[in-house]
């Protein structure tokens, strides 16, 4: 069973006092199928091929332009990420002198500040 169109439901509600009834639904179904005239006096069908809108080309061009802008944004972000390089050897952690994964690391600012106070 297919869903009734909004136009058929509205016509049935106007014609019948009690809408959710068998008679009202049959009337709405016939209007949606285009078998009888609706209250405006014309037979219309809600199904079948639709006419192409005139603005379809404009909408497609607008979406394509937006995608092109988005692609450019992503390209810039990718370039920024590629240009960032990790500074290996400069350690700014909390250890003064230590070994991490077999490599000696030291925070030079902590060593210069606490140098003579703490023997490591």
PDB file of N, CA and C in Angstrom:
ATOM      1  N   UNK A   1       0.846  -1.171   0.000  1.00  0.00           N
ATOM      2  CA  UNK A   1       0.000   0.000   0.000  1.00  0.00           C
ATOM      3  C   UNK A   1       0.894   1.238   0.000  1.00  0.00           C
ATOM      4  N   UNK A   2       0.598   2.141  -0.905  1.00  0.00           N
ATOM      5  CA  UNK A   2       1.432   3.333  -1.017  1.00  0.00           C
ATOM      6  C   UNK A   2       0.921   4.441  -0.106  1.00  0.00           C
ATOM      7  N   UNK A   3       1.771   5.386   0.101  1.00  0.00           N
ATOM      8  CA  UNK A   3       1.438   6.513   0.966  1.00  0.00           C
ATOM      9  C   UNK A   3       0.576   7.510   0.188  1.00  0.00           C
ATOM     10  N   UNK A   4      -0.411   8.083   0.838  1.00  0.00           N
ATOM     11  CA  UNK A   4      -1.271   9.072   0.193  1.00  0.00           C
ATOM     12  C   UNK A   4      -0.533  10.398   0.056  1.00  0.00           C
ATOM     13  N   UNK A   5      -0.819  11.090  -1.051  1.00  0.00           N
ATOM     14  CA  UNK A   5      -0.173  12.385  -1.260  1.00  0.00           C
ATOM     15  C   UNK A   5      -0.834  13.444  -0.380  1.00  0.00           C
ATOM     16  N   UNK A   6      -0.122  14.501  -0.134  1.00  0.00           N
ATOM     17  CA  UNK A   6      -0.622  15.573   0.732  1.00  0.00           C
ATOM     18  C   UNK A   6      -1.842  16.249   0.117  1.00  0.00           C
ATOM     19  N   UNK A   7      -1.866  16.382  -1.206  1.00  0.00           N
ATOM     20  CA  UNK A   7      -2.993  17.022  -1.885  1.00  0.00           C
ATOM     21  C   UNK A   7      -4.272  16.211  -1.704  1.00  0.00           C
ATOM     22  N   UNK A   8      -4.158  14.874  -1.803  1.00  0.00           N
ATOM     23  CA  UNK A   8      -5.317  14.002  -1.623  1.00  0.00           C
ATOM     24  C   UNK A   8      -5.837  14.025  -0.197  1.00  0.00           C
ATOM     25  N   UNK A   9      -4.911  14.002   0.766  1.00  0.00           N
ATOM     26  CA  UNK A   9      -5.329  14.068   2.173  1.00  0.00           C
ATOM     27  C   UNK A   9      -6.060  15.372   2.467  1.00  0.00           C
ATOM     28  N   UNK A  10      -5.524  16.485   1.966  1.00  0.00           N
ATOM     29  CA  UNK A  10      -6.134  17.789   2.218  1.00  0.00           C
ATOM     30  C   UNK A  10      -7.529  17.860   1.603  1.00  0.00           C
ATOM     31  N   UNK A  11      -7.697  17.313   0.390  1.00  0.00           N
ATOM     32  CA  UNK A  11      -9.010  17.328  -0.261  1.00  0.00           C
ATOM     33  C   UNK A  11     -10.008  16.476   0.516  1.00  0.00           C
ATOM     34  N   UNK A  12      -9.566  15.322   1.014  1.00  0.00           N
ATOM     35  CA  UNK A  12     -10.453  14.443   1.780  1.00  0.00           C
ATOM     36  C   UNK A  12     -10.852  15.093   3.100  1.00  0.00           C
ATOM     37  N   UNK A  13      -9.937  15.795   3.734  1.00  0.00           N
ATOM     38  CA  UNK A  13     -10.262  16.475   4.993  1.00  0.00           C
ATOM     39  C   UNK A  13     -11.284  17.588   4.773  1.00  0.00           C
ATOM     40  N   UNK A  14     -11.198  18.252   3.607  1.00  0.00           N
ATOM     41  CA  UNK A  14     -12.162  19.307   3.310  1.00  0.00           C
ATOM     42  C   UNK A  14     -13.545  18.740   2.995  1.00  0.00           C
ATOM     43  N   UNK A  15     -13.586  17.572   2.322  1.00  0.00           N
ATOM     44  CA  UNK A  15     -14.859  17.021   1.868  1.00  0.00           C
ATOM     45  C   UNK A  15     -15.600  16.257   2.963  1.00  0.00           C
ATOM     46  N   UNK A  16     -14.882  15.525   3.799  1.00  0.00           N
ATOM     47  CA  UNK A  16     -15.509  14.673   4.806  1.00  0.00           C
ATOM     48  C   UNK A  16     -15.296  15.256   6.200  1.00  0.00           C
ATOM     49  N   UNK A  17     -16.316  15.101   7.034  1.00  0.00           N
ATOM     50  CA  UNK A  17     -16.204  15.595   8.407  1.00  0.00           C
ATOM     51  C   UNK A  17     -15.233  14.754   9.216  1.00  0.00           C
ATOM     52  N   UNK A  18     -15.252  13.432   9.002  1.00  0.00           N
ATOM     53  CA  UNK A  18     -14.354  12.518   9.709  1.00  0.00           C
ATOM     54  C   UNK A  18     -13.317  12.055   8.696  1.00  0.00           C
ATOM     55  N   UNK A  19     -12.069  12.518   8.864  1.00  0.00           N
ATOM     56  CA  UNK A  19     -11.075  12.161   7.840  1.00  0.00           C
ATOM     57  C   UNK A  19     -10.613  10.717   7.921  1.00  0.00           C
ATOM     58  N   UNK A  20     -10.140  10.225   9.017  1.00  0.00           N
ATOM     59  CA  UNK A  20      -9.617   8.858   8.931  1.00  0.00           C
ATOM     60  C   UNK A  20     -10.755   7.844   8.829  1.00  0.00           C
ATOM     61  N   UNK A  21     -11.416   7.832   7.675  1.00  0.00           N
ATOM     62  CA  UNK A  21     -12.470   6.850   7.432  1.00  0.00           C
ATOM     63  C   UNK A  21     -12.200   6.177   6.095  1.00  0.00           C
ATOM     64  N   UNK A  22     -12.883   5.087   5.839  1.00  0.00           N
ATOM     65  CA  UNK A  22     -12.675   4.339   4.601  1.00  0.00           C
ATOM     66  C   UNK A  22     -13.063   5.179   3.389  1.00  0.00           C
ATOM     67  N   UNK A  23     -14.175   5.905   3.477  1.00  0.00           N
ATOM     68  CA  UNK A  23     -14.621   6.722   2.353  1.00  0.00           C
ATOM     69  C   UNK A  23     -13.633   7.856   2.064  1.00  0.00           C
ATOM     70  N   UNK A  24     -13.154   8.495   3.111  1.00  0.00           N
ATOM     71  CA  UNK A  24     -12.214   9.607   2.933  1.00  0.00           C
ATOM     72  C   UNK A  24     -10.893   9.107   2.350  1.00  0.00           C
ATOM     73  N   UNK A  25     -10.425   7.960   2.823  1.00  0.00           N
ATOM     74  CA  UNK A  25      -9.174   7.411   2.295  1.00  0.00           C
ATOM     75  C   UNK A  25      -9.325   6.997   0.838  1.00  0.00           C
ATOM     76  N   UNK A  26     -10.475   6.434   0.467  1.00  0.00           N
ATOM     77  CA  UNK A  26     -10.708   6.052  -0.931  1.00  0.00           C
ATOM     78  C   UNK A  26     -10.724   7.288  -1.819  1.00  0.00           C
ATOM     79  N   UNK A  27     -11.360   8.344  -1.343  1.00  0.00           N
ATOM     80  CA  UNK A  27     -11.406   9.601  -2.088  1.00  0.00           C
ATOM     81  C   UNK A  27      -9.996  10.169  -2.264  1.00  0.00           C
ATOM     82  N   UNK A  28      -9.217  10.184  -1.184  1.00  0.00           N
ATOM     83  CA  UNK A  28      -7.846  10.701  -1.247  1.00  0.00           C
ATOM     84  C   UNK A  28      -6.997   9.860  -2.186  1.00  0.00           C
ATOM     85  N   UNK A  29      -7.199   8.549  -2.155  1.00  0.00           N
ATOM     86  CA  UNK A  29      -6.431   7.652  -3.015  1.00  0.00           C
ATOM     87  C   UNK A  29      -6.731   7.916  -4.487  1.00  0.00           C
ATOM     88  N   UNK A  30      -8.017   8.143  -4.816  1.00  0.00           N
ATOM     89  CA  UNK A  30      -8.385   8.408  -6.209  1.00  0.00           C
ATOM     90  C   UNK A  30      -7.834   9.747  -6.681  1.00  0.00           C
ATOM     91  N   UNK A  31      -7.807  10.738  -5.803  1.00  0.00           N
ATOM     92  CA  UNK A  31      -7.233  12.033  -6.183  1.00  0.00           C
ATOM     93  C   UNK A  31      -5.735  11.886  -6.431  1.00  0.00           C
ATOM     94  N   UNK A  32      -5.054  11.140  -5.566  1.00  0.00           N
ATOM     95  CA  UNK A  32      -3.610  10.951  -5.729  1.00  0.00           C
ATOM     96  C   UNK A  32      -3.301  10.179  -7.012  1.00  0.00           C
ATOM     97  N   UNK A  33      -4.169   9.236  -7.385  1.00  0.00           N
ATOM     98  CA  UNK A  33      -3.952   8.444  -8.594  1.00  0.00           C
ATOM     99  C   UNK A  33      -4.328   9.209  -9.849  1.00  0.00           C
ATOM    100  N   UNK A  34      -5.056  10.314  -9.704  1.00  0.00           N
ATOM    101  CA  UNK A  34      -5.446  11.109 -10.860  1.00  0.00           C
ATOM    102  C   UNK A  34      -6.687  10.585 -11.546  1.00  0.00           C
ATOM    103  N   UNK A  35      -7.496   9.769 -10.872  1.00  0.00           N
ATOM    104  CA  UNK A  35      -8.685   9.180 -11.484  1.00  0.00           C
ATOM    105  C   UNK A  35      -9.890  10.120 -11.429  1.00  0.00           C
ATOM    106  N   UNK A  36      -9.960  10.973 -10.426  1.00  0.00           N
ATOM    107  CA  UNK A  36     -11.075  11.916 -10.327  1.00  0.00           C
ATOM    108  C   UNK A  36     -10.516  13.325 -10.182  1.00  0.00           C
ATOM    109  N   UNK A  37     -11.399  14.283 -10.435  1.00  0.00           N
ATOM    110  CA  UNK A  37     -10.983  15.682 -10.322  1.00  0.00           C
ATOM    111  C   UNK A  37     -10.877  16.077  -8.857  1.00  0.00           C
ATOM    112  N   UNK A  38      -9.870  16.853  -8.564  1.00  0.00           N
ATOM    113  CA  UNK A  38      -9.757  17.371  -7.201  1.00  0.00           C
ATOM    114  C   UNK A  38     -10.649  18.607  -7.077  1.00  0.00           C
ATOM    115  N   UNK A  39     -10.774  19.182  -5.903  1.00  0.00           N
ATOM    116  CA  UNK A  39     -11.681  20.324  -5.722  1.00  0.00           C
ATOM    117  C   UNK A  39     -11.405  21.513  -6.642  1.00  0.00           C
ATOM    118  N   UNK A  40     -10.200  21.625  -7.172  1.00  0.00           N
ATOM    119  CA  UNK A  40      -9.913  22.734  -8.087  1.00  0.00           C
ATOM    120  C   UNK A  40     -10.462  22.468  -9.485  1.00  0.00           C
ATOM    121  N   UNK A  41     -10.915  21.234  -9.753  1.00  0.00           N
ATOM    122  CA  UNK A  41     -11.537  20.915 -11.034  1.00  0.00           C
ATOM    123  C   UNK A  41     -10.591  20.325 -12.058  1.00  0.00           C
ATOM    124  N   UNK A  42      -9.384  19.930 -11.660  1.00  0.00           N
ATOM    125  CA  UNK A  42      -8.436  19.345 -12.610  1.00  0.00           C
ATOM    126  C   UNK A  42      -8.004  17.967 -12.138  1.00  0.00           C
ATOM    127  N   UNK A  43      -7.708  17.119 -13.110  1.00  0.00           N
ATOM    128  CA  UNK A  43      -7.156  15.804 -12.787  1.00  0.00           C
ATOM    129  C   UNK A  43      -5.641  15.946 -12.785  1.00  0.00           C
ATOM    130  N   UNK A  44      -5.020  15.593 -11.704  1.00  0.00           N
ATOM    131  CA  UNK A  44      -3.561  15.695 -11.595  1.00  0.00           C
ATOM    132  C   UNK A  44      -2.998  14.370 -11.143  1.00  0.00           C
ATOM    133  N   UNK A  45      -1.793  14.094 -11.567  1.00  0.00           N
ATOM    134  CA  UNK A  45      -1.107  12.877 -11.142  1.00  0.00           C
ATOM    135  C   UNK A  45       0.155  13.280 -10.395  1.00  0.00           C
ATOM    136  N   UNK A  46       0.379  12.655  -9.268  1.00  0.00           N
ATOM    137  CA  UNK A  46       1.583  12.940  -8.491  1.00  0.00           C
ATOM    138  C   UNK A  46       2.724  12.010  -8.857  1.00  0.00           C
ATOM    139  N   UNK A  47       2.448  10.985  -9.640  1.00  0.00           N
ATOM    140  CA  UNK A  47       3.487  10.026  -9.974  1.00  0.00           C
ATOM    141  C   UNK A  47       3.854  10.203 -11.443  1.00  0.00           C
ATOM    142  N   UNK A  48       4.926   9.571 -11.851  1.00  0.00           N
ATOM    143  CA  UNK A  48       5.381   9.668 -13.232  1.00  0.00           C
ATOM    144  C   UNK A  48       6.584  10.577 -13.333  1.00  0.00           C
ATOM    145  N   UNK A  49       7.108  10.715 -14.537  1.00  0.00           N
ATOM    146  CA  UNK A  49       8.306  11.546 -14.700  1.00  0.00           C
ATOM    147  C   UNK A  49       8.000  13.013 -14.431  1.00  0.00           C
ATOM    148  N   UNK A  50       8.910  13.659 -13.756  1.00  0.00           N
ATOM    149  CA  UNK A  50       8.761  15.072 -13.428  1.00  0.00           C
ATOM    150  C   UNK A  50       9.481  15.909 -14.485  1.00  0.00           C
ATOM    151  N   UNK A  51       8.995  17.110 -14.696  1.00  0.00           N
ATOM    152  CA  UNK A  51       9.654  18.015 -15.623  1.00  0.00           C
ATOM    153  C   UNK A  51      10.971  18.477 -15.015  1.00  0.00           C
ATOM    154  N   UNK A  52      11.974  18.601 -15.856  1.00  0.00           N
ATOM    155  CA  UNK A  52      13.278  19.064 -15.380  1.00  0.00           C
ATOM    156  C   UNK A  52      13.177  20.535 -15.015  1.00  0.00           C
ATOM    157  N   UNK A  53      13.747  20.877 -13.885  1.00  0.00           N
ATOM    158  CA  UNK A  53      13.698  22.273 -13.471  1.00  0.00           C
ATOM    159  C   UNK A  53      14.693  23.082 -14.289  1.00  0.00           C
ATOM    160  N   UNK A  54      14.368  24.328 -14.513  1.00  0.00           N
ATOM    161  CA  UNK A  54      15.224  25.183 -15.330  1.00  0.00           C
ATOM    162  C   UNK A  54      16.516  25.531 -14.617  1.00  0.00           C
ATOM    163  N   UNK A  55      16.476  25.529 -13.307  1.00  0.00           N
ATOM    164  CA  UNK A  55      17.643  25.928 -12.546  1.00  0.00           C
ATOM    165  C   UNK A  55      18.602  24.800 -12.223  1.00  0.00           C
ATOM    166  N   UNK A  56      18.429  23.632 -12.835  1.00  0.00           N
ATOM    167  CA  UNK A  56      19.281  22.486 -12.517  1.00  0.00           C
ATOM    168  C   UNK A  56      20.741  22.759 -12.864  1.00  0.00           C
ATOM    169  N   UNK A  57      20.981  23.364 -14.027  1.00  0.00           N
ATOM    170  CA  UNK A  57      22.359  23.654 -14.422  1.00  0.00           C
ATOM    171  C   UNK A  57      23.006  24.639 -13.458  1.00  0.00           C
ATOM    172  N   UNK A  58      22.240  25.599 -13.019  1.00  0.00           N
ATOM    173  CA  UNK A  58      22.777  26.597 -12.091  1.00  0.00           C
ATOM    174  C   UNK A  58      23.145  25.941 -10.767  1.00  0.00           C
ATOM    175  N   UNK A  59      22.278  25.026 -10.294  1.00  0.00           N
ATOM    176  CA  UNK A  59      22.553  24.340  -9.035  1.00  0.00           C
ATOM    177  C   UNK A  59      23.800  23.474  -9.150  1.00  0.00           C
ATOM    178  N   UNK A  60      23.950  22.778 -10.275  1.00  0.00           N
ATOM    179  CA  UNK A  60      25.119  21.916 -10.468  1.00  0.00           C
ATOM    180  C   UNK A  60      26.395  22.754 -10.466  1.00  0.00           C
ATOM    181  N   UNK A  61      26.366  23.882 -11.151  1.00  0.00           N
ATOM    182  CA  UNK A  61      27.544  24.754 -11.189  1.00  0.00           C
ATOM    183  C   UNK A  61      27.883  25.287  -9.798  1.00  0.00           C
ATOM    184  N   UNK A  62      26.856  25.615  -9.026  1.00  0.00           N
ATOM    185  CA  UNK A  62      27.069  26.141  -7.680  1.00  0.00           C
ATOM    186  C   UNK A  62      27.717  25.091  -6.780  1.00  0.00           C
ATOM    187  N   UNK A  63      27.239  23.854  -6.866  1.00  0.00           N
ATOM    188  CA  UNK A  63      27.800  22.771  -6.053  1.00  0.00           C
ATOM    189  C   UNK A  63      29.232  22.475  -6.482  1.00  0.00           C
ATOM    190  N   UNK A  64      29.490  22.472  -7.790  1.00  0.00           N
ATOM    191  CA  UNK A  64      30.840  22.215  -8.283  1.00  0.00           C
ATOM    192  C   UNK A  64      31.815  23.287  -7.786  1.00  0.00           C
ATOM    193  N   UNK A  65      31.359  24.525  -7.775  1.00  0.00           N
ATOM    194  CA  UNK A  65      32.210  25.618  -7.297  1.00  0.00           C
ATOM    195  C   UNK A  65      32.525  25.449  -5.814  1.00  0.00           C
ATOM    196  N   UNK A  66      31.510  25.050  -5.036  1.00  0.00           N
ATOM    197  CA  UNK A  66      31.718  24.838  -3.601  1.00  0.00           C
ATOM    198  C   UNK A  66      32.693  23.691  -3.356  1.00  0.00           C
ATOM    199  N   UNK A  67      32.586  22.627  -4.140  1.00  0.00           N
ATOM    200  CA  UNK A  67      33.508  21.503  -3.988  1.00  0.00           C
ATOM    201  C   UNK A  67      34.927  21.905  -4.362  1.00  0.00           C
ATOM    202  N   UNK A  68      35.050  22.724  -5.382  1.00  0.00           N
ATOM    203  CA  UNK A  68      36.383  23.177  -5.782  1.00  0.00           C
ATOM    204  C   UNK A  68      37.019  24.001  -4.668  1.00  0.00           C
ATOM    205  N   UNK A  69      36.218  24.843  -4.023  1.00  0.00           N
ATOM    206  CA  UNK A  69      36.732  25.626  -2.899  1.00  0.00           C
ATOM    207  C   UNK A  69      37.136  24.713  -1.750  1.00  0.00           C
ATOM    208  N   UNK A  70      36.332  23.701  -1.485  1.00  0.00           N
ATOM    209  CA  UNK A  70      36.646  22.772  -0.402  1.00  0.00           C
ATOM    210  C   UNK A  70      37.930  22.018  -0.709  1.00  0.00           C
ATOM    211  N   UNK A  71      38.118  21.634  -1.955  1.00  0.00           N
ATOM    212  CA  UNK A  71      39.336  20.928  -2.331  1.00  0.00           C
ATOM    213  C   UNK A  71      40.549  21.821  -2.133  1.00  0.00           C
ATOM    214  N   UNK A  72      40.426  23.092  -2.487  1.00  0.00           N
ATOM    215  CA  UNK A  72      41.524  24.028  -2.281  1.00  0.00           C
ATOM    216  C   UNK A  72      41.867  24.175  -0.811  1.00  0.00           C
ATOM    217  N   UNK A  73      40.865  24.215   0.031  1.00  0.00           N
ATOM    218  CA  UNK A  73      41.088  24.319   1.468  1.00  0.00           C
ATOM    219  C   UNK A  73      41.830  23.091   1.971  1.00  0.00           C
ATOM    220  N   UNK A  74      41.416  21.932   1.511  1.00  0.00           N
ATOM    221  CA  UNK A  74      42.086  20.711   1.945  1.00  0.00           C
ATOM    222  C   UNK A  74      43.524  20.657   1.428  1.00  0.00           C
ATOM    223  N   UNK A  75      43.766  21.188   0.240  1.00  0.00           N
ATOM    224  CA  UNK A  75      45.132  21.219  -0.286  1.00  0.00           C
ATOM    225  C   UNK A  75      46.024  22.100   0.581  1.00  0.00           C
ATOM    226  N   UNK A  76      45.503  23.250   0.993  1.00  0.00           N
ATOM    227  CA  UNK A  76      46.285  24.147   1.843  1.00  0.00           C
ATOM    228  C   UNK A  76      46.584  23.502   3.184  1.00  0.00           C
ATOM    229  N   UNK A  77      45.601  22.815   3.749  1.00  0.00           N
ATOM    230  CA  UNK A  77      45.827  22.147   5.022  1.00  0.00           C
ATOM    231  C   UNK A  77      46.875  21.054   4.870  1.00  0.00           C
ATOM    232  N   UNK A  78      46.827  20.343   3.749  1.00  0.00           N
ATOM    233  CA  UNK A  78      47.807  19.288   3.516  1.00  0.00           C
ATOM    234  C   UNK A  78      49.206  19.882   3.387  1.00  0.00           C
ATOM    235  N   UNK A  79      49.328  21.009   2.686  1.00  0.00           N
ATOM    236  CA  UNK A  79      50.638  21.652   2.544  1.00  0.00           C
ATOM    237  C   UNK A  79      51.174  22.106   3.897  1.00  0.00           C
ATOM    238  N   UNK A  80      50.308  22.647   4.729  1.00  0.00           N
ATOM    239  CA  UNK A  80      50.719  23.102   6.057  1.00  0.00           C
ATOM    240  C   UNK A  80      51.223  21.936   6.888  1.00  0.00           C
ATOM    241  N   UNK A  81      50.504  20.834   6.845  1.00  0.00           N
ATOM    242  CA  UNK A  81      50.919  19.666   7.620  1.00  0.00           C
ATOM    243  C   UNK A  81      52.231  19.082   7.105  1.00  0.00           C
ATOM    244  N   UNK A  82      52.450  19.129   5.791  1.00  0.00           N
ATOM    245  CA  UNK A  82      53.694  18.607   5.235  1.00  0.00           C
ATOM    246  C   UNK A  82      54.887  19.470   5.625  1.00  0.00           C
ATOM    247  N   UNK A  83      54.669  20.778   5.785  1.00  0.00           N
ATOM    248  CA  UNK A  83      55.781  21.673   6.087  1.00  0.00           C
ATOM    249  C   UNK A  83      56.222  21.580   7.545  1.00  0.00           C
ATOM    250  N   UNK A  84      55.353  21.087   8.420  1.00  0.00           N
ATOM    251  CA  UNK A  84      55.710  20.967   9.835  1.00  0.00           C
ATOM    252  C   UNK A  84      56.625  19.765  10.017  1.00  0.00           C
ATOM    253  N   UNK A  85      57.753  20.002  10.661  1.00  0.00           N
ATOM    254  CA  UNK A  85      58.703  18.919  10.922  1.00  0.00           C
ATOM    255  C   UNK A  85      58.972  18.864  12.415  1.00  0.00           C
ATOM    256  N   UNK A  86      59.113  17.669  12.922  1.00  0.00           N
ATOM    257  CA  UNK A  86      59.403  17.503  14.346  1.00  0.00           C
ATOM    258  C   UNK A  86      60.850  17.879  14.607  1.00  0.00           C
ATOM    259  N   UNK A  87      61.076  18.610  15.674  1.00  0.00           N
ATOM    260  CA  UNK A  87      62.429  18.986  16.065  1.00  0.00           C
ATOM    261  C   UNK A  87      62.995  17.894  16.956  1.00  0.00           C
ATOM    262  N   UNK A  88      63.767  17.012  16.375  1.00  0.00           N
ATOM    263  CA  UNK A  88      64.336  15.921  17.147  1.00  0.00           C
ATOM    264  C   UNK A  88      65.575  16.428  17.877  1.00  0.00           C
ATOM    265  N   UNK A  89      65.712  16.040  19.120  1.00  0.00           N
ATOM    266  CA  UNK A  89      66.864  16.449  19.904  1.00  0.00           C
ATOM    267  C   UNK A  89      66.524  17.537  20.903  1.00  0.00           C
ATOM    268  N   UNK A  90      65.603  18.427  20.579  1.00  0.00           N
ATOM    269  CA  UNK A  90      65.203  19.447  21.532  1.00  0.00           C
ATOM    270  C   UNK A  90      64.117  18.838  22.396  1.00  0.00           C
ATOM    271  N   UNK A  91      64.404  18.731  23.678  1.00  0.00           N
ATOM    272  CA  UNK A  91      63.494  18.090  24.616  1.00  0.00           C
ATOM    273  C   UNK A  91      63.023  19.120  25.614  1.00  0.00           C
ATOM    274  N   UNK A  92      61.729  19.225  25.802  1.00  0.00           N
ATOM    275  CA  UNK A  92      61.192  20.207  26.742  1.00  0.00           C
ATOM    276  C   UNK A  92      60.365  19.532  27.821  1.00  0.00           C
ATOM    277  N   UNK A  93      60.648  18.284  28.111  1.00  0.00           N
ATOM    278  CA  UNK A  93      59.897  17.544  29.112  1.00  0.00           C
ATOM    279  C   UNK A  93      60.307  17.897  30.524  1.00  0.00           C
ATOM    280  N   UNK A  94      59.832  17.108  31.484  1.00  0.00           N
ATOM    281  CA  UNK A  94      60.077  17.411  32.893  1.00  0.00           C
ATOM    282  C   UNK A  94      61.389  16.819  33.408  1.00  0.00           C
ATOM    283  N   UNK A  95      62.034  15.926  32.671  1.00  0.00           N
ATOM    284  CA  UNK A  95      63.293  15.335  33.133  1.00  0.00           C
ATOM    285  C   UNK A  95      64.452  16.277  32.832  1.00  0.00           C
ATOM    286  N   UNK A  96      65.417  16.347  33.797  1.00  0.00           N
ATOM    287  CA  UNK A  96      66.615  17.138  33.525  1.00  0.00           C
ATOM    288  C   UNK A  96      67.546  16.367  32.610  1.00  0.00           C
ATOM    289  N   UNK A  97      67.861  15.140  33.022  1.00  0.00           N
ATOM    290  CA  UNK A  97      68.696  14.268  32.201  1.00  0.00           C
ATOM    291  C   UNK A  97      68.151  12.864  32.363  1.00  0.00           C
ATOM    292  N   UNK A  98      67.958  12.199  31.241  1.00  0.00           N
ATOM    293  CA  UNK A  98      67.419  10.847  31.301  1.00  0.00           C
ATOM    294  C   UNK A  98      67.682  10.154  29.974  1.00  0.00           C
ATOM    295  N   UNK A  99      67.302   8.909  29.911  1.00  0.00           N
ATOM    296  CA  UNK A  99      67.392   8.156  28.664  1.00  0.00           C
ATOM    297  C   UNK A  99      66.001   7.645  28.320  1.00  0.00           C
ATOM    298  N   UNK A 100      65.566   7.941  27.112  1.00  0.00           N
ATOM    299  CA  UNK A 100      64.274   7.462  26.624  1.00  0.00           C
ATOM    300  C   UNK A 100      64.532   6.674  25.355  1.00  0.00           C
ATOM    301  N   UNK A 101      64.152   5.414  25.379  1.00  0.00           N
ATOM    302  CA  UNK A 101      64.347   4.497  24.248  1.00  0.00           C
ATOM    303  C   UNK A 101      65.818   4.422  23.857  1.00  0.00           C
ATOM    304  N   UNK A 102      66.686   4.433  24.855  1.00  0.00           N
ATOM    305  CA  UNK A 102      68.117   4.291  24.600  1.00  0.00           C
ATOM    306  C   UNK A 102      68.809   5.564  24.176  1.00  0.00           C
ATOM    307  N   UNK A 103      68.101   6.672  24.043  1.00  0.00           N
ATOM    308  CA  UNK A 103      68.713   7.934  23.638  1.00  0.00           C
ATOM    309  C   UNK A 103      68.724   8.893  24.822  1.00  0.00           C
ATOM    310  N   UNK A 104      69.842   9.542  25.057  1.00  0.00           N
ATOM    311  CA  UNK A 104      69.893  10.497  26.169  1.00  0.00           C
ATOM    312  C   UNK A 104      69.113  11.760  25.817  1.00  0.00           C
ATOM    313  N   UNK A 105      68.292  12.206  26.762  1.00  0.00           N
ATOM    314  CA  UNK A 105      67.540  13.445  26.577  1.00  0.00           C
ATOM    315  C   UNK A 105      67.791  14.336  27.777  1.00  0.00           C
ATOM    316  N   UNK A 106      67.777  15.635  27.551  1.00  0.00           N
ATOM    317  CA  UNK A 106      67.937  16.574  28.660  1.00  0.00           C
ATOM    318  C   UNK A 106      67.236  17.874  28.312  1.00  0.00           C
ATOM    319  N   UNK A 107      66.638  18.479  29.323  1.00  0.00           N
ATOM    320  CA  UNK A 107      65.988  19.765  29.161  1.00  0.00           C
ATOM    321  C   UNK A 107      67.010  20.821  29.543  1.00  0.00           C
ATOM    322  N   UNK A 108      67.518  21.539  28.556  1.00  0.00           N
ATOM    323  CA  UNK A 108      68.620  22.475  28.771  1.00  0.00           C
ATOM    324  C   UNK A 108      68.241  23.608  29.722  1.00  0.00           C
ATOM    325  N   UNK A 109      67.004  24.071  29.673  1.00  0.00           N
ATOM    326  CA  UNK A 109      66.632  25.177  30.556  1.00  0.00           C
ATOM    327  C   UNK A 109      66.607  24.725  32.017  1.00  0.00           C
ATOM    328  N   UNK A 110      66.166  23.489  32.278  1.00  0.00           N
ATOM    329  CA  UNK A 110      66.185  22.980  33.648  1.00  0.00           C
ATOM    330  C   UNK A 110      67.610  22.748  34.126  1.00  0.00           C
ATOM    331  N   UNK A 111      68.452  22.240  33.249  1.00  0.00           N
ATOM    332  CA  UNK A 111      69.846  21.991  33.619  1.00  0.00           C
ATOM    333  C   UNK A 111      70.537  23.306  33.953  1.00  0.00           C
ATOM    334  N   UNK A 112      70.292  24.344  33.156  1.00  0.00           N
ATOM    335  CA  UNK A 112      70.951  25.627  33.430  1.00  0.00           C
ATOM    336  C   UNK A 112      70.406  26.279  34.704  1.00  0.00           C
ATOM    337  N   UNK A 113      69.156  26.082  35.036  1.00  0.00           N
ATOM    338  CA  UNK A 113      68.570  26.688  36.223  1.00  0.00           C
ATOM    339  C   UNK A 113      68.988  25.966  37.498  1.00  0.00           C
ATOM    340  N   UNK A 114      68.871  24.628  37.492  1.00  0.00           N
ATOM    341  CA  UNK A 114      69.178  23.848  38.685  1.00  0.00           C
ATOM    342  C   UNK A 114      70.595  23.284  38.666  1.00  0.00           C
ATOM    343  N   UNK A 115      71.399  23.655  37.718  1.00  0.00           N
ATOM    344  CA  UNK A 115      72.694  23.044  37.486  1.00  0.00           C
ATOM    345  C   UNK A 115      73.500  22.650  38.707  1.00  0.00           C
ATOM    346  N   UNK A 116      73.818  23.592  39.609  1.00  0.00           N
ATOM    347  CA  UNK A 116      74.683  23.291  40.748  1.00  0.00           C
ATOM    348  C   UNK A 116      73.910  22.729  41.933  1.00  0.00           C
ATOM    349  N   UNK A 117      72.609  22.922  41.980  1.00  0.00           N
ATOM    350  CA  UNK A 117      71.836  22.470  43.135  1.00  0.00           C
ATOM    351  C   UNK A 117      71.622  20.960  43.160  1.00  0.00           C
ATOM    352  N   UNK A 118      71.391  20.381  42.007  1.00  0.00           N
ATOM    353  CA  UNK A 118      71.084  18.950  41.946  1.00  0.00           C
ATOM    354  C   UNK A 118      72.169  18.252  41.146  1.00  0.00           C
ATOM    355  N   UNK A 119      72.698  17.188  41.727  1.00  0.00           N
ATOM    356  CA  UNK A 119      73.705  16.388  41.038  1.00  0.00           C
ATOM    357  C   UNK A 119      72.987  15.208  40.389  1.00  0.00           C
ATOM    358  N   UNK A 120      73.080  15.142  39.099  1.00  0.00           N
ATOM    359  CA  UNK A 120      72.379  14.067  38.390  1.00  0.00           C
ATOM    360  C   UNK A 120      73.347  13.037  37.899  1.00  0.00           C
TER     361      UNK A 120
END
